[in-house]
Every structure is written in structure tokens, then in C-alpha cells.
Protein backbone atom coordinates (compact mmCIF):
# COMPACT_ATOMS: atom_id res chain seq x y z
CA MET A 1 1.45 -9.68 -16.10
CA SER A 2 0.65 -7.99 -12.76
CA ASP A 3 -1.08 -9.64 -9.84
CA ALA A 4 -3.86 -7.09 -9.28
CA THR A 5 -4.84 -8.58 -5.90
CA LYS A 6 -1.57 -7.48 -4.24
CA ALA A 7 0.49 -4.29 -4.17
CA VAL A 8 3.87 -3.03 -2.96
CA LEU A 9 3.78 -0.16 -0.44
CA GLU A 10 6.53 2.44 -0.66
CA GLY A 11 7.26 5.07 1.99
CA GLY A 12 5.32 5.73 5.17
CA PRO A 13 6.35 4.50 8.62
CA ASP A 14 9.56 2.45 8.76
CA ASP A 15 7.91 -0.07 11.10
CA LEU A 16 4.88 -0.79 8.92
CA PRO A 17 4.54 -4.58 9.33
CA GLU A 18 4.05 -5.49 5.67
CA ARG A 19 5.20 -3.96 2.40
CA ILE A 20 3.30 -6.36 0.14
CA VAL A 21 -0.41 -6.24 0.91
CA SER A 22 -3.62 -7.68 -0.46
CA VAL A 23 -5.82 -5.20 -2.28
CA PRO A 24 -9.50 -6.22 -2.23
CA THR A 25 -10.38 -3.86 -5.10
CA PRO A 26 -7.54 -2.27 -7.04
CA GLY A 27 -8.05 1.46 -7.26
CA PRO A 28 -6.33 4.81 -6.91
CA ASP A 29 -5.82 4.56 -3.11
CA ILE A 30 -5.10 2.00 -0.41
CA LYS A 31 -5.85 2.71 3.26
CA ILE A 32 -3.89 0.64 5.82
CA PRO A 33 -4.96 0.64 9.50
CA PHE A 34 -1.90 1.30 11.69
CA ARG A 35 -1.38 2.59 15.26
CA GLY A 36 -4.79 4.16 15.84
CA GLY A 37 -5.07 5.69 12.39
CA PHE A 38 -4.68 4.99 8.70
CA GLU A 39 -1.71 5.22 6.37
CA HIS A 40 -2.82 6.30 2.89
CA PHE A 41 -1.04 5.14 -0.25
CA ARG A 42 -1.68 6.30 -3.83
CA SER A 43 -1.16 4.27 -6.96
CA THR A 44 1.76 5.03 -9.24
CA THR A 45 2.47 4.01 -12.82
CA ARG A 46 5.36 1.84 -11.59
CA GLU A 47 5.51 -1.89 -10.99
CA GLU A 48 8.07 -3.86 -9.00
CA GLN A 49 9.28 -7.40 -9.48
CA THR A 50 8.86 -9.24 -6.15
CA SER A 51 8.98 -12.80 -4.88
CA GLN A 52 5.21 -12.77 -5.50
CA GLY A 53 5.46 -11.57 -9.09
CA LEU A 54 5.20 -8.20 -10.80
CA LEU A 55 3.10 -5.95 -8.56
CA PRO A 56 1.83 -2.36 -8.78
CA VAL A 57 3.59 0.16 -6.51
CA TYR A 58 1.61 2.46 -4.23
CA GLU A 59 3.41 5.32 -2.49
CA TRP A 60 2.59 6.85 0.89
CA TRP A 61 1.04 10.30 0.85
CA GLU A 62 -0.61 10.93 4.25
CA ARG A 63 -1.72 9.65 7.63
CA THR A 64 -5.09 10.22 9.26
CA GLU A 65 -5.83 9.69 12.95
CA LEU A 66 -8.95 8.04 14.34
CA PRO A 67 -10.86 10.13 16.89
CA GLY A 68 -10.54 9.11 20.50
């Protein structure tokens, strides 16, 4: 059974600090603040066995910058 409050992030910046993140509300997208912008991850149909259990995998699809 999956732990729906956490997810595995795949792709995106190599220096992203965490690859297993808390997900307040599971949904189709996760937005992670990083270096003055956001890294966007989309849900997949895959799950990955981790030290924290079986978690859904979200893969990176784009970055948006914050104005300023």
C-alpha cells in the first residue's frame, strides 16, 4: 500500500535537496520552490519501493521563474 503523503521526485536539477518529499494533497502535480523559482513534477502511474515504503513517482516536466 502506498504512502500518499509522500512522493519520489524523478528528474529535474541534479542538486535538488530532497528526492522524497511530503505532498500535502496528492494530485496530478507537485510544485517545489527552488532557486528563485519552482520545479514542476507530474504524477506517473509508477511507484517506487523506498526506505519509507512504496511511494508514487512524480517526474519533472518544467521550471518556472519568479519575477524579480
